[in-house]
Amino acid sequence: MVYAKAPIEGYVKTRLCPPLTGDEAASLHGSLVMDLLECCQVVKGCDRILAGAPTGQHPFFKAMETRFQVKLWEQSGEDLGARMAKTFQDGLRSAYQALVIVGTDIPGISPQLLTQAVSVLQDHDVVLGPTLDGGYYLIGLRKPVPELFQHIPWSTSQVCALTEQKVKALGLSLARLPTLRDIDTIEDVQAFIQELKRPGSTPISQRTKNVFMELEKRLKARA
């Protein structure tokens, strides 16, 4: 399940503005959402679901539904933790044996990484994909564990560590994926632009690479 916000100017990636404009931030976000949905197409034996905010019926998500043949789902809850807890509760009480939620704005996610996340849930209770800033870009469960989403200071550097502590305290088995950089600040944007220039850099779509390169030109022009 891909958790995504609609690429609406002033609604997504506001911490990038300024120096980016709202339209530029939204364009980058929209391209990264499409990258992730393209990665999901390669994962076999799974349903692919797009959970959108502020509503799963936004025209962008309807277009993604048609383009990538994904199911649409609504996010509901007062904060991110409540929304994820409800998603796991609803999803794992239906026909699904396991569920993986993955966030957008993580250029380093690959089909192989998503396949690994699904695979390790065969013999682990929880899988986590940490981010460099202390959060996580992915969480997967085999059964609902609402405690993992309670009393977590979301959008802080403590999110992943506190979640791992809860996993241990509950006696659950944990698999960790590689740590990746997410795109939250302009420093993240600039770091990833430099990463793209290195040989063997993180593979992303040409579309998103073009967006990053155009942003570099515009940022230099504004300096």
Protein backbone atom coordinates (compact mmCIF):
# COMPACT_ATOMS: atom_id res chain seq x y z
CA MET A 1 0.00 0.00 0.00
CA VAL A 2 1.38 3.34 -1.09
CA TYR A 3 0.57 6.23 1.25
CA ALA A 4 0.56 9.43 -0.78
CA LYS A 5 -0.65 13.00 -0.73
CA ALA A 6 -2.08 14.52 -3.87
CA PRO A 7 0.46 16.84 -5.55
CA ILE A 8 -1.40 20.02 -4.63
CA GLU A 9 0.50 23.31 -4.50
CA GLY A 10 0.79 24.44 -0.88
CA TYR A 11 -0.28 21.02 0.46
CA VAL A 12 2.80 18.85 -0.16
CA LYS A 13 6.47 19.33 0.64
CA THR A 14 5.87 22.74 2.23
CA ARG A 15 9.22 22.51 4.08
CA LEU A 16 10.90 22.89 0.67
CA CYS A 17 9.24 26.28 0.14
CA PRO A 18 11.08 28.56 -0.12
CA PRO A 19 13.44 28.27 -1.95
CA LEU A 20 11.19 26.06 -4.12
CA THR A 21 7.82 27.34 -5.21
CA GLY A 22 4.71 25.42 -4.25
CA ASP A 23 4.29 24.31 -7.84
CA GLU A 24 7.86 23.01 -8.04
CA ALA A 25 7.49 21.07 -4.79
CA ALA A 26 4.21 19.57 -5.99
CA SER A 27 5.75 18.57 -9.34
CA LEU A 28 8.65 16.80 -7.62
CA HIS A 29 6.28 15.00 -5.27
CA GLY A 30 3.98 13.88 -8.10
CA SER A 31 6.88 12.45 -10.08
CA LEU A 32 8.16 10.53 -7.04
CA VAL A 33 4.69 9.07 -6.45
CA MET A 34 4.68 7.78 -10.02
CA ASP A 35 8.18 6.33 -9.55
CA LEU A 36 6.99 4.35 -6.55
CA LEU A 37 3.89 3.09 -8.33
CA GLU A 38 6.11 1.95 -11.21
CA CYS A 39 8.27 0.03 -8.72
CA CYS A 40 5.19 -1.62 -7.25
CA GLN A 41 4.23 -3.05 -10.64
CA VAL A 42 7.21 -5.41 -10.49
CA VAL A 43 6.31 -6.97 -7.12
CA LYS A 44 4.54 -10.26 -7.80
CA GLY A 45 1.80 -12.02 -5.88
CA CYS A 46 0.46 -8.87 -4.24
CA ASP A 47 -2.42 -6.48 -4.59
CA ARG A 48 -1.26 -2.90 -5.09
CA ILE A 49 -3.25 -0.22 -3.29
CA LEU A 50 -2.91 3.56 -3.33
CA ALA A 51 -4.13 5.27 -0.15
CA GLY A 52 -4.54 8.95 -0.91
CA ALA A 53 -4.93 12.15 1.06
CA PRO A 54 -6.77 14.48 1.43
CA THR A 55 -9.08 12.09 -0.44
CA GLY A 56 -8.47 8.96 -2.45
CA GLN A 57 -10.88 10.28 -5.06
CA HIS A 58 -8.68 13.25 -6.03
CA PRO A 59 -8.27 13.45 -9.85
CA PHE A 60 -4.54 12.68 -9.56
CA PHE A 61 -5.27 9.40 -7.79
CA LYS A 62 -8.03 8.51 -10.23
CA ALA A 63 -5.49 8.99 -13.03
CA MET A 64 -3.01 6.76 -11.17
CA GLU A 65 -5.72 4.13 -10.72
CA THR A 66 -6.19 3.95 -14.48
CA ARG A 67 -2.52 4.22 -15.40
CA PHE A 68 -1.15 1.65 -12.93
CA GLN A 69 -4.23 -0.53 -12.32
CA VAL A 70 -4.09 0.01 -8.56
CA LYS A 71 -6.92 -0.07 -6.05
CA LEU A 72 -7.76 3.19 -4.29
CA TRP A 73 -8.14 3.42 -0.52
CA GLU A 74 -9.00 6.27 1.83
CA GLN A 75 -6.73 7.30 4.70
CA SER A 76 -8.70 8.11 7.85
CA GLY A 77 -7.55 9.18 11.30
CA GLU A 78 -6.47 12.23 13.26
CA ASP A 79 -2.74 11.77 12.64
CA LEU A 80 -0.38 9.54 10.71
CA GLY A 81 -0.25 6.95 13.48
CA ALA A 82 -4.03 6.68 13.72
CA ARG A 83 -4.31 6.39 9.95
CA MET A 84 -1.74 3.61 9.70
CA ALA A 85 -3.20 1.73 12.66
CA LYS A 86 -6.63 1.78 11.02
CA THR A 87 -5.20 0.71 7.68
CA PHE A 88 -3.54 -2.34 9.23
CA GLN A 89 -6.65 -3.15 11.23
CA ASP A 90 -8.92 -2.98 8.18
CA GLY A 91 -6.49 -4.60 5.74
CA LEU A 92 -5.35 -7.50 7.89
CA ARG A 93 -8.86 -8.36 8.96
CA SER A 94 -9.86 -8.86 5.35
CA ALA A 95 -8.30 -11.36 2.97
CA TYR A 96 -4.68 -10.23 3.36
CA GLN A 97 -2.07 -12.29 5.20
CA ALA A 98 0.37 -9.37 5.41
CA LEU A 99 0.39 -5.68 4.57
CA VAL A 100 3.22 -3.28 3.77
CA ILE A 101 2.73 0.48 3.90
CA VAL A 102 5.33 2.52 2.04
CA GLY A 103 5.68 6.29 1.90
CA THR A 104 6.51 8.41 -1.08
CA ASP A 105 9.36 10.91 -1.60
CA ILE A 106 11.99 8.17 -1.17
CA PRO A 107 14.00 8.12 -4.42
CA GLY A 108 16.07 5.11 -3.33
CA ILE A 109 13.18 2.64 -3.22
CA SER A 110 13.54 -0.14 -5.79
CA PRO A 111 11.38 -3.09 -6.88
CA GLN A 112 13.94 -5.39 -5.25
CA LEU A 113 13.56 -3.60 -1.91
CA LEU A 114 9.77 -3.85 -2.01
CA THR A 115 10.00 -7.54 -2.91
CA GLN A 116 12.36 -8.05 0.04
CA ALA A 117 9.92 -6.29 2.39
CA VAL A 118 7.11 -8.62 1.34
CA SER A 119 9.33 -11.70 1.50
CA VAL A 120 10.72 -11.17 5.02
CA LEU A 121 7.18 -10.99 6.43
CA GLN A 122 6.95 -14.73 5.83
CA ASP A 123 9.08 -15.29 8.95
CA HIS A 124 9.09 -11.91 10.75
CA ASP A 125 6.26 -10.10 12.52
CA VAL A 126 7.42 -6.61 11.53
CA VAL A 127 9.55 -5.09 8.79
CA LEU A 128 10.85 -1.51 8.96
CA GLY A 129 12.67 0.65 6.44
CA PRO A 130 14.48 3.43 8.35
CA THR A 131 15.24 6.89 6.97
CA LEU A 132 18.37 8.92 7.61
CA ASP A 133 16.42 11.48 9.64
CA GLY A 134 15.20 8.92 12.18
CA GLY A 135 11.81 8.12 10.69
CA TYR A 136 10.83 5.20 8.51
CA TYR A 137 9.73 4.95 4.90
CA LEU A 138 8.15 1.50 5.15
CA ILE A 139 6.43 -0.65 7.74
CA GLY A 140 4.94 -4.09 7.24
CA LEU A 141 2.95 -6.33 9.59
CA ARG A 142 1.33 -9.78 9.62
CA LYS A 143 -1.25 -8.82 12.23
CA PRO A 144 -2.60 -5.51 13.56
CA VAL A 145 -0.40 -4.06 16.33
CA PRO A 146 -2.02 -0.72 17.26
CA GLU A 147 0.54 -0.14 20.05
CA LEU A 148 3.22 0.54 17.43
CA PHE A 149 1.43 3.73 16.41
CA GLN A 150 0.52 5.10 19.82
CA HIS A 151 2.45 7.85 21.66
CA ILE A 152 4.91 8.34 18.79
CA PRO A 153 6.15 11.92 18.16
CA TRP A 154 5.60 11.88 14.41
CA SER A 155 7.91 13.90 12.16
CA THR A 156 10.77 13.71 14.67
CA SER A 157 14.10 11.87 14.76
CA GLN A 158 12.73 9.46 17.41
CA VAL A 159 10.07 7.73 15.30
CA CYS A 160 11.99 4.66 14.13
CA ALA A 161 13.91 4.11 17.38
CA LEU A 162 10.76 4.30 19.52
CA THR A 163 8.94 1.98 17.13
CA GLU A 164 11.76 -0.56 17.37
CA GLN A 165 11.63 -0.32 21.17
CA LYS A 166 7.90 -1.08 21.07
CA VAL A 167 8.50 -4.06 18.76
CA LYS A 168 11.06 -5.47 21.21
CA ALA A 169 8.86 -4.82 24.24
CA LEU A 170 5.97 -6.66 22.60
CA GLY A 171 8.16 -9.68 21.86
CA LEU A 172 7.79 -9.36 18.09
CA SER A 173 10.43 -10.33 15.54
CA LEU A 174 11.83 -7.48 13.42
CA ALA A 175 13.50 -7.27 10.01
CA ARG A 176 15.26 -4.03 9.03
CA LEU A 177 15.68 -2.85 5.47
CA PRO A 178 18.48 -0.55 4.28
CA THR A 179 18.38 3.04 5.53
CA LEU A 180 17.38 5.54 2.83
CA ARG A 181 17.17 9.31 2.47
CA ASP A 182 13.75 10.85 2.15
CA ILE A 183 13.07 14.25 0.61
CA ASP A 184 11.92 16.50 3.44
CA THR A 185 14.20 19.54 3.31
CA ILE A 186 16.00 21.53 0.64
CA GLU A 187 19.24 19.99 1.96
CA ASP A 188 17.80 16.58 1.07
CA VAL A 189 17.02 17.82 -2.44
CA GLN A 190 20.54 19.17 -2.88
CA ALA A 191 22.14 16.00 -1.47
CA PHE A 192 20.15 13.83 -3.85
CA ILE A 193 21.05 16.03 -6.83
CA GLN A 194 24.72 15.46 -5.99
CA GLU A 195 24.08 11.73 -5.59
CA LEU A 196 22.61 11.61 -9.11
CA LYS A 197 25.91 12.91 -10.53
CA ARG A 198 27.95 10.03 -9.09
CA PRO A 199 28.64 6.89 -11.11
CA GLY A 200 26.29 4.09 -10.12
CA SER A 201 23.89 6.48 -8.42
CA THR A 202 20.43 5.49 -7.22
CA PRO A 203 18.38 4.51 -10.29
CA ILE A 204 15.30 6.68 -10.75
CA SER A 205 13.09 7.41 -13.72
CA GLN A 206 14.35 9.79 -16.37
CA ARG A 207 11.26 11.89 -15.64
CA THR A 208 12.23 12.42 -12.00
CA LYS A 209 15.91 12.89 -12.85
CA ASN A 210 14.88 15.68 -15.21
CA VAL A 211 12.84 17.29 -12.42
CA PHE A 212 15.85 17.26 -10.07
CA MET A 213 18.15 18.67 -12.73
CA GLU A 214 15.70 21.47 -13.56
CA LEU A 215 15.39 22.30 -9.87
CA GLU A 216 19.18 22.55 -9.63
CA LYS A 217 19.23 25.09 -12.47
CA ARG A 218 16.48 27.16 -10.88
CA LEU A 219 18.07 27.10 -7.43
CA LYS A 220 21.39 28.29 -8.87
CA ALA A 221 19.60 31.08 -10.72
CA ARG A 222 17.98 32.25 -7.46
CA ALA A 223 21.16 32.12 -5.39
